[in-house]
PDB file of N, CA and C in Angstrom:
ATOM      1  N   MET A   1       0.853  -1.184   0.000  1.00  0.00           N
ATOM      2  CA  MET A   1       0.000   0.000   0.000  1.00  0.00           C
ATOM      3  C   MET A   1       0.894   1.241   0.000  1.00  0.00           C
ATOM      4  N   LEU A   2       0.559   2.175  -0.826  1.00  0.00           N
ATOM      5  CA  LEU A   2       1.265   3.452  -0.903  1.00  0.00           C
ATOM      6  C   LEU A   2       0.486   4.483  -0.099  1.00  0.00           C
ATOM      7  N   VAL A   3       1.168   5.187   0.792  1.00  0.00           N
ATOM      8  CA  VAL A   3       0.531   6.236   1.594  1.00  0.00           C
ATOM      9  C   VAL A   3       1.164   7.565   1.207  1.00  0.00           C
ATOM     10  N   LEU A   4       0.327   8.532   0.817  1.00  0.00           N
ATOM     11  CA  LEU A   4       0.807   9.835   0.371  1.00  0.00           C
ATOM     12  C   LEU A   4       0.189  10.950   1.197  1.00  0.00           C
ATOM     13  N   GLY A   5       0.905  12.022   1.353  1.00  0.00           N
ATOM     14  CA  GLY A   5       0.345  13.243   1.917  1.00  0.00           C
ATOM     15  C   GLY A   5       0.094  14.220   0.777  1.00  0.00           C
ATOM     16  N   ARG A   6      -1.097  14.762   0.710  1.00  0.00           N
ATOM     17  CA  ARG A   6      -1.457  15.729  -0.322  1.00  0.00           C
ATOM     18  C   ARG A   6      -2.181  16.893   0.333  1.00  0.00           C
ATOM     19  N   LYS A   7      -2.032  18.063  -0.243  1.00  0.00           N
ATOM     20  CA  LYS A   7      -2.708  19.274   0.229  1.00  0.00           C
ATOM     21  C   LYS A   7      -3.823  19.622  -0.748  1.00  0.00           C
ATOM     22  N   PRO A   8      -4.794  20.427  -0.302  1.00  0.00           N
ATOM     23  CA  PRO A   8      -5.855  20.840  -1.233  1.00  0.00           C
ATOM     24  C   PRO A   8      -5.267  21.403  -2.529  1.00  0.00           C
ATOM     25  N   GLY A   9      -5.824  20.966  -3.644  1.00  0.00           N
ATOM     26  CA  GLY A   9      -5.347  21.383  -4.959  1.00  0.00           C
ATOM     27  C   GLY A   9      -4.353  20.403  -5.563  1.00  0.00           C
ATOM     28  N   GLU A  10      -3.745  19.566  -4.737  1.00  0.00           N
ATOM     29  CA  GLU A  10      -2.797  18.576  -5.248  1.00  0.00           C
ATOM     30  C   GLU A  10      -3.546  17.304  -5.633  1.00  0.00           C
ATOM     31  N   TYR A  11      -2.928  16.490  -6.468  1.00  0.00           N
ATOM     32  CA  TYR A  11      -3.596  15.282  -6.944  1.00  0.00           C
ATOM     33  C   TYR A  11      -2.594  14.174  -7.206  1.00  0.00           C
ATOM     34  N   VAL A  12      -3.122  12.973  -7.398  1.00  0.00           N
ATOM     35  CA  VAL A  12      -2.322  11.828  -7.825  1.00  0.00           C
ATOM     36  C   VAL A  12      -2.987  11.240  -9.068  1.00  0.00           C
ATOM     37  N   ILE A  13      -2.182  10.616  -9.896  1.00  0.00           N
ATOM     38  CA  ILE A  13      -2.658   9.950 -11.101  1.00  0.00           C
ATOM     39  C   ILE A  13      -2.466   8.449 -10.902  1.00  0.00           C
ATOM     40  N   ILE A  14      -3.516   7.680 -11.173  1.00  0.00           N
ATOM     41  CA  ILE A  14      -3.453   6.225 -11.078  1.00  0.00           C
ATOM     42  C   ILE A  14      -3.563   5.678 -12.499  1.00  0.00           C
ATOM     43  N   GLY A  15      -2.541   4.944 -12.900  1.00  0.00           N
ATOM     44  CA  GLY A  15      -2.509   4.460 -14.287  1.00  0.00           C
ATOM     45  C   GLY A  15      -2.419   5.645 -15.231  1.00  0.00           C
ATOM     46  N   ASP A  16      -3.111   5.540 -16.357  1.00  0.00           N
ATOM     47  CA  ASP A  16      -3.094   6.621 -17.341  1.00  0.00           C
ATOM     48  C   ASP A  16      -4.366   7.446 -17.342  1.00  0.00           C
ATOM     49  N   SER A  17      -5.377   7.010 -16.568  1.00  0.00           N
ATOM     50  CA  SER A  17      -6.676   7.646 -16.769  1.00  0.00           C
ATOM     51  C   SER A  17      -7.458   7.997 -15.508  1.00  0.00           C
ATOM     52  N   ILE A  18      -6.879   7.784 -14.326  1.00  0.00           N
ATOM     53  CA  ILE A  18      -7.611   8.094 -13.094  1.00  0.00           C
ATOM     54  C   ILE A  18      -6.863   9.182 -12.333  1.00  0.00           C
ATOM     55  N   LYS A  19      -7.575  10.240 -12.005  1.00  0.00           N
ATOM     56  CA  LYS A  19      -7.010  11.369 -11.271  1.00  0.00           C
ATOM     57  C   LYS A  19      -7.801  11.542  -9.972  1.00  0.00           C
ATOM     58  N   VAL A  20      -7.087  11.569  -8.846  1.00  0.00           N
ATOM     59  CA  VAL A  20      -7.710  11.784  -7.542  1.00  0.00           C
ATOM     60  C   VAL A  20      -7.135  13.079  -6.978  1.00  0.00           C
ATOM     61  N   LYS A  21      -8.000  14.067  -6.800  1.00  0.00           N
ATOM     62  CA  LYS A  21      -7.578  15.395  -6.368  1.00  0.00           C
ATOM     63  C   LYS A  21      -8.164  15.714  -4.996  1.00  0.00           C
ATOM     64  N   VAL A  22      -7.339  16.286  -4.123  1.00  0.00           N
ATOM     65  CA  VAL A  22      -7.822  16.760  -2.827  1.00  0.00           C
ATOM     66  C   VAL A  22      -8.470  18.116  -3.062  1.00  0.00           C
ATOM     67  N   VAL A  23      -9.772  18.188  -2.806  1.00  0.00           N
ATOM     68  CA  VAL A  23     -10.509  19.423  -3.024  1.00  0.00           C
ATOM     69  C   VAL A  23     -10.522  20.258  -1.749  1.00  0.00           C
ATOM     70  N   LYS A  24     -10.704  19.584  -0.604  1.00  0.00           N
ATOM     71  CA  LYS A  24     -10.802  20.308   0.662  1.00  0.00           C
ATOM     72  C   LYS A  24     -10.334  19.407   1.797  1.00  0.00           C
ATOM     73  N   SER A  25      -9.636  20.001   2.755  1.00  0.00           N
ATOM     74  CA  SER A  25      -9.202  19.297   3.950  1.00  0.00           C
ATOM     75  C   SER A  25      -9.482  20.203   5.137  1.00  0.00           C
ATOM     76  N   ASP A  26     -10.306  19.702   6.069  1.00  0.00           N
ATOM     77  CA  ASP A  26     -10.714  20.554   7.183  1.00  0.00           C
ATOM     78  C   ASP A  26     -10.996  19.706   8.417  1.00  0.00           C
ATOM     79  N   ALA A  27     -10.245  19.911   9.483  1.00  0.00           N
ATOM     80  CA  ALA A  27     -10.485  19.273  10.786  1.00  0.00           C
ATOM     81  C   ALA A  27     -10.710  17.763  10.673  1.00  0.00           C
ATOM     82  N   GLY A  28      -9.855  17.084   9.958  1.00  0.00           N
ATOM     83  CA  GLY A  28      -9.962  15.640   9.838  1.00  0.00           C
ATOM     84  C   GLY A  28     -10.877  15.154   8.728  1.00  0.00           C
ATOM     85  N   ASP A  29     -11.628  16.057   8.117  1.00  0.00           N
ATOM     86  CA  ASP A  29     -12.477  15.689   6.981  1.00  0.00           C
ATOM     87  C   ASP A  29     -11.717  15.955   5.693  1.00  0.00           C
ATOM     88  N   LEU A  30     -11.932  15.104   4.721  1.00  0.00           N
ATOM     89  CA  LEU A  30     -11.241  15.226   3.447  1.00  0.00           C
ATOM     90  C   LEU A  30     -12.262  15.094   2.328  1.00  0.00           C
ATOM     91  N   ARG A  31     -12.207  15.989   1.374  1.00  0.00           N
ATOM     92  CA  ARG A  31     -13.104  15.922   0.216  1.00  0.00           C
ATOM     93  C   ARG A  31     -12.238  15.673  -1.017  1.00  0.00           C
ATOM     94  N   LEU A  32     -12.593  14.618  -1.757  1.00  0.00           N
ATOM     95  CA  LEU A  32     -11.835  14.220  -2.933  1.00  0.00           C
ATOM     96  C   LEU A  32     -12.671  14.380  -4.193  1.00  0.00           C
ATOM     97  N   ALA A  33     -12.008  14.687  -5.287  1.00  0.00           N
ATOM     98  CA  ALA A  33     -12.632  14.671  -6.611  1.00  0.00           C
ATOM     99  C   ALA A  33     -11.930  13.574  -7.403  1.00  0.00           C
ATOM    100  N   ILE A  34     -12.722  12.697  -8.012  1.00  0.00           N
ATOM    101  CA  ILE A  34     -12.162  11.572  -8.754  1.00  0.00           C
ATOM    102  C   ILE A  34     -12.593  11.672 -10.211  1.00  0.00           C
ATOM    103  N   GLU A  35     -11.617  11.719 -11.104  1.00  0.00           N
ATOM    104  CA  GLU A  35     -11.881  11.686 -12.546  1.00  0.00           C
ATOM    105  C   GLU A  35     -11.436  10.321 -13.051  1.00  0.00           C
ATOM    106  N   ALA A  36     -12.382   9.586 -13.621  1.00  0.00           N
ATOM    107  CA  ALA A  36     -12.069   8.253 -14.134  1.00  0.00           C
ATOM    108  C   ALA A  36     -12.980   7.947 -15.314  1.00  0.00           C
ATOM    109  N   PRO A  37     -12.563   7.021 -16.165  1.00  0.00           N
ATOM    110  CA  PRO A  37     -13.433   6.615 -17.269  1.00  0.00           C
ATOM    111  C   PRO A  37     -14.763   6.076 -16.731  1.00  0.00           C
ATOM    112  N   LYS A  38     -15.808   6.188 -17.520  1.00  0.00           N
ATOM    113  CA  LYS A  38     -17.141   5.759 -17.091  1.00  0.00           C
ATOM    114  C   LYS A  38     -17.213   4.269 -16.784  1.00  0.00           C
ATOM    115  N   ASP A  39     -16.333   3.470 -17.369  1.00  0.00           N
ATOM    116  CA  ASP A  39     -16.372   2.030 -17.113  1.00  0.00           C
ATOM    117  C   ASP A  39     -15.673   1.631 -15.812  1.00  0.00           C
ATOM    118  N   VAL A  40     -15.062   2.591 -15.111  1.00  0.00           N
ATOM    119  CA  VAL A  40     -14.423   2.316 -13.825  1.00  0.00           C
ATOM    120  C   VAL A  40     -15.441   2.564 -12.720  1.00  0.00           C
ATOM    121  N   LYS A  41     -15.747   1.508 -11.958  1.00  0.00           N
ATOM    122  CA  LYS A  41     -16.717   1.616 -10.878  1.00  0.00           C
ATOM    123  C   LYS A  41     -16.031   2.236  -9.658  1.00  0.00           C
ATOM    124  N   ILE A  42     -16.652   3.261  -9.075  1.00  0.00           N
ATOM    125  CA  ILE A  42     -16.127   3.930  -7.885  1.00  0.00           C
ATOM    126  C   ILE A  42     -17.158   3.752  -6.777  1.00  0.00           C
ATOM    127  N   THR A  43     -16.730   3.162  -5.662  1.00  0.00           N
ATOM    128  CA  THR A  43     -17.631   2.877  -4.551  1.00  0.00           C
ATOM    129  C   THR A  43     -16.976   3.316  -3.250  1.00  0.00           C
ATOM    130  N   ARG A  44     -17.751   4.008  -2.396  1.00  0.00           N
ATOM    131  CA  ARG A  44     -17.240   4.390  -1.075  1.00  0.00           C
ATOM    132  C   ARG A  44     -16.959   3.124  -0.260  1.00  0.00           C
ATOM    133  N   GLY A  45     -15.941   3.180   0.580  1.00  0.00           N
ATOM    134  CA  GLY A  45     -15.525   2.018   1.368  1.00  0.00           C
ATOM    135  C   GLY A  45     -16.637   1.403   2.191  1.00  0.00           C
ATOM    136  N   GLU A  46     -17.419   2.222   2.884  1.00  0.00           N
ATOM    137  CA  GLU A  46     -18.473   1.679   3.745  1.00  0.00           C
ATOM    138  C   GLU A  46     -19.570   0.994   2.932  1.00  0.00           C
ATOM    139  N   VAL A  47     -19.828   1.469   1.731  1.00  0.00           N
ATOM    140  CA  VAL A  47     -20.817   0.831   0.854  1.00  0.00           C
ATOM    141  C   VAL A  47     -20.274  -0.503   0.362  1.00  0.00           C
ATOM    142  N   TRP A  48     -19.020  -0.538  -0.030  1.00  0.00           N
ATOM    143  CA  TRP A  48     -18.386  -1.765  -0.504  1.00  0.00           C
ATOM    144  C   TRP A  48     -18.387  -2.828   0.589  1.00  0.00           C
ATOM    145  N   GLU A  49     -18.045  -2.422   1.829  1.00  0.00           N
ATOM    146  CA  GLU A  49     -18.029  -3.372   2.943  1.00  0.00           C
ATOM    147  C   GLU A  49     -19.415  -3.956   3.187  1.00  0.00           C
ATOM    148  N   GLU A  50     -20.445  -3.134   3.128  1.00  0.00           N
ATOM    149  CA  GLU A  50     -21.814  -3.609   3.311  1.00  0.00           C
ATOM    150  C   GLU A  50     -22.194  -4.589   2.198  1.00  0.00           C
ATOM    151  N   GLN A  51     -21.797  -4.295   0.974  1.00  0.00           N
ATOM    152  CA  GLN A  51     -22.075  -5.198  -0.142  1.00  0.00           C
ATOM    153  C   GLN A  51     -21.384  -6.548   0.059  1.00  0.00           C
ATOM    154  N   GLN A  52     -20.176  -6.521   0.613  1.00  0.00           N
ATOM    155  CA  GLN A  52     -19.447  -7.765   0.864  1.00  0.00           C
ATOM    156  C   GLN A  52     -20.148  -8.602   1.930  1.00  0.00           C
ATOM    157  N   LYS A  53     -20.658  -7.958   2.972  1.00  0.00           N
ATOM    158  CA  LYS A  53     -21.384  -8.677   4.027  1.00  0.00           C
ATOM    159  C   LYS A  53     -22.621  -9.350   3.450  1.00  0.00           C
ATOM    160  N   ILE A  54     -23.346  -8.636   2.607  1.00  0.00           N
ATOM    161  CA  ILE A  54     -24.563  -9.180   1.994  1.00  0.00           C
ATOM    162  C   ILE A  54     -24.214 -10.347   1.066  1.00  0.00           C
ATOM    163  N   ALA A  55     -23.116 -10.220   0.330  1.00  0.00           N
ATOM    164  CA  ALA A  55     -22.715 -11.262  -0.617  1.00  0.00           C
ATOM    165  C   ALA A  55     -22.327 -12.559   0.093  1.00  0.00           C
ATOM    166  N   VAL A  56     -21.813 -12.459   1.320  1.00  0.00           N
ATOM    167  CA  VAL A  56     -21.372 -13.639   2.068  1.00  0.00           C
ATOM    168  C   VAL A  56     -22.564 -14.422   2.611  1.00  0.00           C
ATOM    169  N   LYS A  57     -23.655 -13.743   2.898  1.00  0.00           N
ATOM    170  CA  LYS A  57     -24.839 -14.408   3.484  1.00  0.00           C
ATOM    171  C   LYS A  57     -25.473 -15.397   2.566  1.00  0.00           C
TER     172      LYS A  57
END
């Protein structure tokens, strides 16, 4: 796992087509903007975890 520190306005590129930008950072809250092709599924962690629990049942 790669761990990076980024400030608002900074971003990282994943592969050739995914951009994750820090839009806002305030008191432990972080707001991200994600640019990715439409065929790339983006799911929040808590939603993904809930889906995994349901799939196991």
